[in-house]
Amino acid sequence: QKLPTVNKNDLMHNLPHFLSRNMSRRAGMKTFT
């Protein structure tokens, strides 16, 4: 409850900031809504 809500626009405009630094990009599967 101390954390902010986020919406689609937040993620679309700042996508790299919402990716974990500890995971390789190869671990991710690029997907689209």
PDB file of all heavy atoms in Angstrom:
ATOM      1  N   GLN A   1       0.810  -1.216   0.000  1.00  0.00           N
ATOM      2  CA  GLN A   1       0.000   0.000   0.000  1.00  0.00           C
ATOM      3  C   GLN A   1       0.845   1.268   0.000  1.00  0.00           C
ATOM      4  O   GLN A   1       0.330   2.356  -0.290  1.00  0.00           O
ATOM      5  CB  GLN A   1      -0.929  -0.001   1.215  1.00  0.00           C
ATOM      6  CG  GLN A   1      -1.978  -1.101   1.196  1.00  0.00           C
ATOM      7  CD  GLN A   1      -2.904  -1.007  -0.007  1.00  0.00           C
ATOM      8  OE1 GLN A   1      -3.349   0.085  -0.367  1.00  0.00           O
ATOM      9  NE2 GLN A   1      -3.179  -2.135  -0.636  1.00  0.00           N
ATOM     10  N   LYS A   2       2.119   1.158   0.309  1.00  0.00           N
ATOM     11  CA  LYS A   2       3.018   2.311   0.284  1.00  0.00           C
ATOM     12  C   LYS A   2       3.556   2.598  -1.113  1.00  0.00           C
ATOM     13  O   LYS A   2       4.184   3.636  -1.339  1.00  0.00           O
ATOM     14  CB  LYS A   2       4.191   2.080   1.231  1.00  0.00           C
ATOM     15  CG  LYS A   2       3.825   2.042   2.708  1.00  0.00           C
ATOM     16  CD  LYS A   2       3.405   3.424   3.201  1.00  0.00           C
ATOM     17  CE  LYS A   2       3.093   3.415   4.680  1.00  0.00           C
ATOM     18  NZ  LYS A   2       2.726   4.766   5.184  1.00  0.00           N
ATOM     19  N   LEU A   3       3.313   1.674  -2.040  1.00  0.00           N
ATOM     20  CA  LEU A   3       3.851   1.826  -3.393  1.00  0.00           C
ATOM     21  C   LEU A   3       2.794   2.443  -4.311  1.00  0.00           C
ATOM     22  O   LEU A   3       1.591   2.275  -4.101  1.00  0.00           O
ATOM     23  CB  LEU A   3       4.288   0.457  -3.932  1.00  0.00           C
ATOM     24  CG  LEU A   3       5.321  -0.290  -3.094  1.00  0.00           C
ATOM     25  CD1 LEU A   3       5.657  -1.631  -3.731  1.00  0.00           C
ATOM     26  CD2 LEU A   3       6.578   0.542  -2.898  1.00  0.00           C
ATOM     27  N   PRO A   4       3.238   3.138  -5.350  1.00  0.00           N
ATOM     28  CA  PRO A   4       2.281   3.781  -6.257  1.00  0.00           C
ATOM     29  C   PRO A   4       1.650   2.775  -7.208  1.00  0.00           C
ATOM     30  O   PRO A   4       2.213   1.708  -7.481  1.00  0.00           O
ATOM     31  CB  PRO A   4       3.154   4.782  -7.017  1.00  0.00           C
ATOM     32  CG  PRO A   4       4.503   4.128  -7.045  1.00  0.00           C
ATOM     33  CD  PRO A   4       4.639   3.419  -5.725  1.00  0.00           C
ATOM     34  N   THR A   5       0.488   3.127  -7.713  1.00  0.00           N
ATOM     35  CA  THR A   5      -0.072   2.357  -8.818  1.00  0.00           C
ATOM     36  C   THR A   5       0.607   2.789 -10.114  1.00  0.00           C
ATOM     37  O   THR A   5       1.128   3.907 -10.221  1.00  0.00           O
ATOM     38  CB  THR A   5      -1.592   2.578  -8.946  1.00  0.00           C
ATOM     39  OG1 THR A   5      -1.847   3.961  -9.195  1.00  0.00           O
ATOM     40  CG2 THR A   5      -2.315   2.145  -7.679  1.00  0.00           C
ATOM     41  N   VAL A   6       0.640   1.897 -11.095  1.00  0.00           N
ATOM     42  CA  VAL A   6       1.194   2.223 -12.410  1.00  0.00           C
ATOM     43  C   VAL A   6       0.175   1.825 -13.464  1.00  0.00           C
ATOM     44  O   VAL A   6      -0.637   0.921 -13.262  1.00  0.00           O
ATOM     45  CB  VAL A   6       2.536   1.504 -12.676  1.00  0.00           C
ATOM     46  CG1 VAL A   6       3.590   1.944 -11.670  1.00  0.00           C
ATOM     47  CG2 VAL A   6       2.354  -0.016 -12.641  1.00  0.00           C
ATOM     48  N   ASN A   7       0.221   2.504 -14.593  1.00  0.00           N
ATOM     49  CA  ASN A   7      -0.697   2.168 -15.671  1.00  0.00           C
ATOM     50  C   ASN A   7       0.088   1.875 -16.947  1.00  0.00           C
ATOM     51  O   ASN A   7       1.328   1.901 -16.961  1.00  0.00           O
ATOM     52  CB  ASN A   7      -1.722   3.284 -15.892  1.00  0.00           C
ATOM     53  CG  ASN A   7      -1.058   4.619 -16.209  1.00  0.00           C
ATOM     54  OD1 ASN A   7      -0.006   4.687 -16.844  1.00  0.00           O
ATOM     55  ND2 ASN A   7      -1.688   5.709 -15.768  1.00  0.00           N
ATOM     56  N   LYS A   8      -0.635   1.609 -17.998  1.00  0.00           N
ATOM     57  CA  LYS A   8      -0.009   1.239 -19.264  1.00  0.00           C
ATOM     58  C   LYS A   8       0.928   2.336 -19.774  1.00  0.00           C
ATOM     59  O   LYS A   8       2.031   2.051 -20.251  1.00  0.00           O
ATOM     60  CB  LYS A   8      -1.092   0.930 -20.302  1.00  0.00           C
ATOM     61  CG  LYS A   8      -0.552   0.501 -21.651  1.00  0.00           C
ATOM     62  CD  LYS A   8      -1.665   0.199 -22.634  1.00  0.00           C
ATOM     63  CE  LYS A   8      -2.411  -1.053 -22.266  1.00  0.00           C
ATOM     64  NZ  LYS A   8      -3.366  -1.448 -23.336  1.00  0.00           N
ATOM     65  N   ASN A   9       0.516   3.597 -19.662  1.00  0.00           N
ATOM     66  CA  ASN A   9       1.354   4.694 -20.143  1.00  0.00           C
ATOM     67  C   ASN A   9       2.667   4.787 -19.384  1.00  0.00           C
ATOM     68  O   ASN A   9       3.721   5.079 -19.956  1.00  0.00           O
ATOM     69  CB  ASN A   9       0.598   6.021 -20.056  1.00  0.00           C
ATOM     70  CG  ASN A   9      -0.454   6.164 -21.129  1.00  0.00           C
ATOM     71  OD1 ASN A   9      -0.343   5.569 -22.199  1.00  0.00           O
ATOM     72  ND2 ASN A   9      -1.498   6.926 -20.849  1.00  0.00           N
ATOM     73  N   ASP A  10       2.628   4.550 -18.070  1.00  0.00           N
ATOM     74  CA  ASP A  10       3.860   4.570 -17.279  1.00  0.00           C
ATOM     75  C   ASP A  10       4.867   3.556 -17.823  1.00  0.00           C
ATOM     76  O   ASP A  10       6.069   3.850 -17.953  1.00  0.00           O
ATOM     77  CB  ASP A  10       3.560   4.244 -15.813  1.00  0.00           C
ATOM     78  CG  ASP A  10       2.676   5.285 -15.152  1.00  0.00           C
ATOM     79  OD1 ASP A  10       2.789   6.467 -15.522  1.00  0.00           O
ATOM     80  OD2 ASP A  10       1.881   4.911 -14.278  1.00  0.00           O
ATOM     81  N   LEU A  11       4.370   2.368 -18.119  1.00  0.00           N
ATOM     82  CA  LEU A  11       5.258   1.308 -18.599  1.00  0.00           C
ATOM     83  C   LEU A  11       5.725   1.563 -20.026  1.00  0.00           C
ATOM     84  O   LEU A  11       6.887   1.313 -20.369  1.00  0.00           O
ATOM     85  CB  LEU A  11       4.551  -0.041 -18.505  1.00  0.00           C
ATOM     86  CG  LEU A  11       4.046  -0.445 -17.113  1.00  0.00           C
ATOM     87  CD1 LEU A  11       3.402  -1.820 -17.156  1.00  0.00           C
ATOM     88  CD2 LEU A  11       5.173  -0.429 -16.104  1.00  0.00           C
ATOM     89  N   MET A  12       4.837   2.061 -20.864  1.00  0.00           N
ATOM     90  CA  MET A  12       5.196   2.295 -22.264  1.00  0.00           C
ATOM     91  C   MET A  12       6.307   3.334 -22.393  1.00  0.00           C
ATOM     92  O   MET A  12       7.192   3.200 -23.231  1.00  0.00           O
ATOM     93  CB  MET A  12       3.966   2.752 -23.050  1.00  0.00           C
ATOM     94  CG  MET A  12       2.926   1.671 -23.289  1.00  0.00           C
ATOM     95  SD  MET A  12       1.404   2.306 -24.034  1.00  0.00           S
ATOM     96  CE  MET A  12       2.021   2.916 -25.597  1.00  0.00           C
ATOM     97  N   HIS A  13       6.264   4.369 -21.565  1.00  0.00           N
ATOM     98  CA  HIS A  13       7.210   5.472 -21.705  1.00  0.00           C
ATOM     99  C   HIS A  13       8.490   5.280 -20.892  1.00  0.00           C
ATOM    100  O   HIS A  13       9.442   6.045 -21.054  1.00  0.00           O
ATOM    101  CB  HIS A  13       6.538   6.785 -21.289  1.00  0.00           C
ATOM    102  CG  HIS A  13       5.398   7.174 -22.184  1.00  0.00           C
ATOM    103  ND1 HIS A  13       4.151   7.524 -21.704  1.00  0.00           N
ATOM    104  CD2 HIS A  13       5.299   7.234 -23.536  1.00  0.00           C
ATOM    105  CE1 HIS A  13       3.344   7.795 -22.720  1.00  0.00           C
ATOM    106  NE2 HIS A  13       4.021   7.625 -23.840  1.00  0.00           N
ATOM    107  N   ASN A  14       8.511   4.275 -20.005  1.00  0.00           N
ATOM    108  CA  ASN A  14       9.696   4.058 -19.166  1.00  0.00           C
ATOM    109  C   ASN A  14      10.022   2.578 -19.030  1.00  0.00           C
ATOM    110  O   ASN A  14      10.430   2.120 -17.967  1.00  0.00           O
ATOM    111  CB  ASN A  14       9.465   4.655 -17.766  1.00  0.00           C
ATOM    112  CG  ASN A  14       9.183   6.140 -17.798  1.00  0.00           C
ATOM    113  OD1 ASN A  14      10.080   6.952 -17.938  1.00  0.00           O
ATOM    114  ND2 ASN A  14       7.903   6.491 -17.666  1.00  0.00           N
ATOM    115  N   LEU A  15       9.835   1.822 -20.108  1.00  0.00           N
ATOM    116  CA  LEU A  15       9.957   0.370 -20.030  1.00  0.00           C
ATOM    117  C   LEU A  15      11.269  -0.105 -19.404  1.00  0.00           C
ATOM    118  O   LEU A  15      11.247  -0.968 -18.515  1.00  0.00           O
ATOM    119  CB  LEU A  15       9.782  -0.244 -21.421  1.00  0.00           C
ATOM    120  CG  LEU A  15       9.856  -1.772 -21.474  1.00  0.00           C
ATOM    121  CD1 LEU A  15       8.761  -2.400 -20.646  1.00  0.00           C
ATOM    122  CD2 LEU A  15       9.771  -2.255 -22.921  1.00  0.00           C
ATOM    123  N   PRO A  16      12.466   0.422 -19.782  1.00  0.00           N
ATOM    124  CA  PRO A  16      13.714  -0.095 -19.190  1.00  0.00           C
ATOM    125  C   PRO A  16      13.763   0.033 -17.668  1.00  0.00           C
ATOM    126  O   PRO A  16      14.401  -0.801 -16.995  1.00  0.00           O
ATOM    127  CB  PRO A  16      14.799   0.762 -19.850  1.00  0.00           C
ATOM    128  CG  PRO A  16      14.177   1.236 -21.128  1.00  0.00           C
ATOM    129  CD  PRO A  16      12.734   1.437 -20.810  1.00  0.00           C
ATOM    130  N   HIS A  17      13.090   1.041 -17.109  1.00  0.00           N
ATOM    131  CA  HIS A  17      13.116   1.245 -15.663  1.00  0.00           C
ATOM    132  C   HIS A  17      12.290   0.209 -14.915  1.00  0.00           C
ATOM    133  O   HIS A  17      12.426   0.075 -13.692  1.00  0.00           O
ATOM    134  CB  HIS A  17      12.615   2.648 -15.327  1.00  0.00           C
ATOM    135  CG  HIS A  17      13.498   3.746 -15.834  1.00  0.00           C
ATOM    136  ND1 HIS A  17      14.669   4.122 -15.206  1.00  0.00           N
ATOM    137  CD2 HIS A  17      13.398   4.525 -16.938  1.00  0.00           C
ATOM    138  CE1 HIS A  17      15.241   5.102 -15.880  1.00  0.00           C
ATOM    139  NE2 HIS A  17      14.500   5.360 -16.945  1.00  0.00           N
ATOM    140  N   PHE A  18      11.426  -0.523 -15.625  1.00  0.00           N
ATOM    141  CA  PHE A  18      10.587  -1.522 -14.976  1.00  0.00           C
ATOM    142  C   PHE A  18      11.097  -2.945 -15.192  1.00  0.00           C
ATOM    143  O   PHE A  18      10.410  -3.913 -14.849  1.00  0.00           O
ATOM    144  CB  PHE A  18       9.148  -1.394 -15.474  1.00  0.00           C
ATOM    145  CG  PHE A  18       8.449  -0.167 -14.949  1.00  0.00           C
ATOM    146  CD1 PHE A  18       8.468   1.019 -15.665  1.00  0.00           C
ATOM    147  CD2 PHE A  18       7.802  -0.187 -13.720  1.00  0.00           C
ATOM    148  CE1 PHE A  18       7.848   2.162 -15.183  1.00  0.00           C
ATOM    149  CE2 PHE A  18       7.171   0.937 -13.227  1.00  0.00           C
ATOM    150  CZ  PHE A  18       7.196   2.121 -13.951  1.00  0.00           C
ATOM    151  N   LEU A  19      12.311  -3.072 -15.744  1.00  0.00           N
ATOM    152  CA  LEU A  19      12.932  -4.382 -15.933  1.00  0.00           C
ATOM    153  C   LEU A  19      13.962  -4.624 -14.837  1.00  0.00           C
ATOM    154  O   LEU A  19      14.702  -3.723 -14.450  1.00  0.00           O
ATOM    155  CB  LEU A  19      13.606  -4.460 -17.304  1.00  0.00           C
ATOM    156  CG  LEU A  19      12.699  -4.250 -18.518  1.00  0.00           C
ATOM    157  CD1 LEU A  19      13.519  -4.279 -19.803  1.00  0.00           C
ATOM    158  CD2 LEU A  19      11.604  -5.302 -18.560  1.00  0.00           C
ATOM    159  N   SER A  20      14.036  -5.840 -14.347  1.00  0.00           N
ATOM    160  CA  SER A  20      14.985  -6.176 -13.281  1.00  0.00           C
ATOM    161  C   SER A  20      16.416  -6.117 -13.802  1.00  0.00           C
ATOM    162  O   SER A  20      16.732  -6.653 -14.871  1.00  0.00           O
ATOM    163  CB  SER A  20      14.690  -7.571 -12.739  1.00  0.00           C
ATOM    164  OG  SER A  20      15.710  -7.980 -11.846  1.00  0.00           O
ATOM    165  N   ARG A  21      17.286  -5.485 -13.022  1.00  0.00           N
ATOM    166  CA  ARG A  21      18.714  -5.446 -13.373  1.00  0.00           C
ATOM    167  C   ARG A  21      19.366  -6.807 -13.240  1.00  0.00           C
ATOM    168  O   ARG A  21      20.416  -7.059 -13.830  1.00  0.00           O
ATOM    169  CB  ARG A  21      19.452  -4.463 -12.449  1.00  0.00           C
ATOM    170  CG  ARG A  21      19.071  -3.004 -12.602  1.00  0.00           C
ATOM    171  CD  ARG A  21      20.001  -2.137 -11.769  1.00  0.00           C
ATOM    172  NE  ARG A  21      19.954  -2.524 -10.372  1.00  0.00           N
ATOM    173  CZ  ARG A  21      19.278  -1.874  -9.431  1.00  0.00           C
ATOM    174  NH1 ARG A  21      18.598  -0.784  -9.759  1.00  0.00           N
ATOM    175  NH2 ARG A  21      19.285  -2.290  -8.179  1.00  0.00           N
ATOM    176  N   ASN A  22      18.779  -7.684 -12.446  1.00  0.00           N
ATOM    177  CA  ASN A  22      19.391  -8.980 -12.148  1.00  0.00           C
ATOM    178  C   ASN A  22      18.991 -10.087 -13.112  1.00  0.00           C
ATOM    179  O   ASN A  22      19.335 -11.240 -12.892  1.00  0.00           O
ATOM    180  CB  ASN A  22      19.031  -9.406 -10.720  1.00  0.00           C
ATOM    181  CG  ASN A  22      19.732  -8.574  -9.669  1.00  0.00           C
ATOM    182  OD1 ASN A  22      20.189  -7.468  -9.943  1.00  0.00           O
ATOM    183  ND2 ASN A  22      19.831  -9.091  -8.450  1.00  0.00           N
ATOM    184  N   MET A  23      18.239  -9.754 -14.141  1.00  0.00           N
ATOM    185  CA  MET A  23      17.811 -10.759 -15.108  1.00  0.00           C
ATOM    186  C   MET A  23      18.322 -10.397 -16.492  1.00  0.00           C
ATOM    187  O   MET A  23      18.214  -9.244 -16.929  1.00  0.00           O
ATOM    188  CB  MET A  23      16.281 -10.861 -15.137  1.00  0.00           C
ATOM    189  CG  MET A  23      15.656 -11.320 -13.830  1.00  0.00           C
ATOM    190  SD  MET A  23      16.128 -13.006 -13.363  1.00  0.00           S
ATOM    191  CE  MET A  23      15.256 -13.949 -14.603  1.00  0.00           C
ATOM    192  N   SER A  24      18.861 -11.378 -17.179  1.00  0.00           N
ATOM    193  CA  SER A  24      19.311 -11.180 -18.543  1.00  0.00           C
ATOM    194  C   SER A  24      18.129 -10.950 -19.467  1.00  0.00           C
ATOM    195  O   SER A  24      17.041 -11.500 -19.252  1.00  0.00           O
ATOM    196  CB  SER A  24      20.104 -12.410 -19.015  1.00  0.00           C
ATOM    197  OG  SER A  24      20.258 -12.417 -20.408  1.00  0.00           O
ATOM    198  N   ARG A  25      18.335 -10.135 -20.504  1.00  0.00           N
ATOM    199  CA  ARG A  25      17.274  -9.930 -21.487  1.00  0.00           C
ATOM    200  C   ARG A  25      16.879 -11.239 -22.159  1.00  0.00           C
ATOM    201  O   ARG A  25      15.755 -11.399 -22.625  1.00  0.00           O
ATOM    202  CB  ARG A  25      17.733  -8.917 -22.545  1.00  0.00           C
ATOM    203  CG  ARG A  25      17.799  -7.489 -22.044  1.00  0.00           C
ATOM    204  CD  ARG A  25      16.418  -6.947 -21.698  1.00  0.00           C
ATOM    205  NE  ARG A  25      16.476  -5.590 -21.181  1.00  0.00           N
ATOM    206  CZ  ARG A  25      16.392  -4.516 -21.930  1.00  0.00           C
ATOM    207  NH1 ARG A  25      16.261  -4.646 -23.238  1.00  0.00           N
ATOM    208  NH2 ARG A  25      16.445  -3.312 -21.394  1.00  0.00           N
ATOM    209  N   ARG A  26      17.803 -12.195 -22.215  1.00  0.00           N
ATOM    210  CA  ARG A  26      17.480 -13.492 -22.813  1.00  0.00           C
ATOM    211  C   ARG A  26      16.458 -14.255 -21.983  1.00  0.00           C
ATOM    212  O   ARG A  26      15.805 -15.179 -22.487  1.00  0.00           O
ATOM    213  CB  ARG A  26      18.748 -14.326 -22.971  1.00  0.00           C
ATOM    214  CG  ARG A  26      19.702 -13.800 -24.033  1.00  0.00           C
ATOM    215  CD  ARG A  26      20.940 -14.659 -24.137  1.00  0.00           C
ATOM    216  NE  ARG A  26      21.712 -14.649 -22.885  1.00  0.00           N
ATOM    217  CZ  ARG A  26      22.815 -15.343 -22.672  1.00  0.00           C
ATOM    218  NH1 ARG A  26      23.280 -16.133 -23.645  1.00  0.00           N
ATOM    219  NH2 ARG A  26      23.456 -15.271 -21.530  1.00  0.00           N
ATOM    220  N   ALA A  27      16.314 -13.883 -20.701  1.00  0.00           N
ATOM    221  CA  ALA A  27      15.313 -14.530 -19.852  1.00  0.00           C
ATOM    222  C   ALA A  27      13.916 -13.993 -20.104  1.00  0.00           C
ATOM    223  O   ALA A  27      12.931 -14.555 -19.632  1.00  0.00           O
ATOM    224  CB  ALA A  27      15.679 -14.351 -18.382  1.00  0.00           C
ATOM    225  N   GLY A  28      13.826 -12.881 -20.848  1.00  0.00           N
ATOM    226  CA  GLY A  28      12.536 -12.265 -21.103  1.00  0.00           C
ATOM    227  C   GLY A  28      11.974 -12.645 -22.457  1.00  0.00           C
ATOM    228  O   GLY A  28      12.706 -12.855 -23.427  1.00  0.00           O
ATOM    229  N   MET A  29      10.675 -12.730 -22.538  1.00  0.00           N
ATOM    230  CA  MET A  29       9.975 -12.994 -23.796  1.00  0.00           C
ATOM    231  C   MET A  29       9.199 -11.738 -24.167  1.00  0.00           C
ATOM    232  O   MET A  29       8.244 -11.357 -23.485  1.00  0.00           O
ATOM    233  CB  MET A  29       9.029 -14.189 -23.655  1.00  0.00           C
ATOM    234  CG  MET A  29       8.162 -14.433 -24.889  1.00  0.00           C
ATOM    235  SD  MET A  29       7.104 -15.900 -24.735  1.00  0.00           S
ATOM    236  CE  MET A  29       8.324 -17.192 -24.944  1.00  0.00           C
ATOM    237  N   LYS A  30       9.604 -11.083 -25.237  1.00  0.00           N
ATOM    238  CA  LYS A  30       8.941  -9.861 -25.669  1.00  0.00           C
ATOM    239  C   LYS A  30       7.512 -10.178 -26.097  1.00  0.00           C
ATOM    240  O   LYS A  30       7.269 -11.078 -26.894  1.00  0.00           O
ATOM    241  CB  LYS A  30       9.704  -9.220 -26.814  1.00  0.00           C
ATOM    242  CG  LYS A  30       9.160  -7.858 -27.245  1.00  0.00           C
ATOM    243  CD  LYS A  30       9.900  -7.300 -28.451  1.00  0.00           C
ATOM    244  CE  LYS A  30      11.364  -7.014 -28.127  1.00  0.00           C
ATOM    245  NZ  LYS A  30      12.044  -6.348 -29.286  1.00  0.00           N
ATOM    246  N   THR A  31       6.574  -9.410 -25.543  1.00  0.00           N
ATOM    247  CA  THR A  31       5.155  -9.672 -25.761  1.00  0.00           C
ATOM    248  C   THR A  31       4.432  -8.350 -25.952  1.00  0.00           C
ATOM    249  O   THR A  31       4.916  -7.305 -25.516  1.00  0.00           O
ATOM    250  CB  THR A  31       4.566 -10.427 -24.547  1.00  0.00           C
ATOM    251  OG1 THR A  31       5.415 -11.530 -24.206  1.00  0.00           O
ATOM    252  CG2 THR A  31       3.175 -10.964 -24.852  1.00  0.00           C
ATOM    253  N   PHE A  32       3.275  -8.409 -26.592  1.00  0.00           N
ATOM    254  CA  PHE A  32       2.472  -7.213 -26.811  1.00  0.00           C
ATOM    255  C   PHE A  32       1.055  -7.461 -26.350  1.00  0.00           C
ATOM    256  O   PHE A  32       0.521  -8.565 -26.526  1.00  0.00           O
ATOM    257  CB  PHE A  32       2.462  -6.823 -28.295  1.00  0.00           C
ATOM    258  CG  PHE A  32       3.814  -6.412 -28.829  1.00  0.00           C
ATOM    259  CD1 PHE A  32       4.715  -7.366 -29.281  1.00  0.00           C
ATOM    260  CD2 PHE A  32       4.171  -5.073 -28.865  1.00  0.00           C
ATOM    261  CE1 PHE A  32       5.956  -6.991 -29.772  1.00  0.00           C
ATOM    262  CE2 PHE A  32       5.407  -4.686 -29.354  1.00  0.00           C
ATOM    263  CZ  PHE A  32       6.309  -5.647 -29.801  1.00  0.00           C
ATOM    264  N   THR A  33       0.453  -6.439 -25.760  1.00  0.00           N
ATOM    265  CA  THR A  33      -0.963  -6.532 -25.441  1.00  0.00           C
ATOM    266  C   THR A  33      -1.754  -6.484 -26.742  1.00  0.00           C
ATOM    267  O   THR A  33      -1.261  -6.076 -27.782  1.00  0.00           O
ATOM    268  CB  THR A  33      -1.428  -5.374 -24.544  1.00  0.00           C
ATOM    269  OG1 THR A  33      -1.206  -4.138 -25.242  1.00  0.00           O
ATOM    270  CG2 THR A  33      -0.655  -5.347 -23.238  1.00  0.00           C
TER     271      THR A  33
END
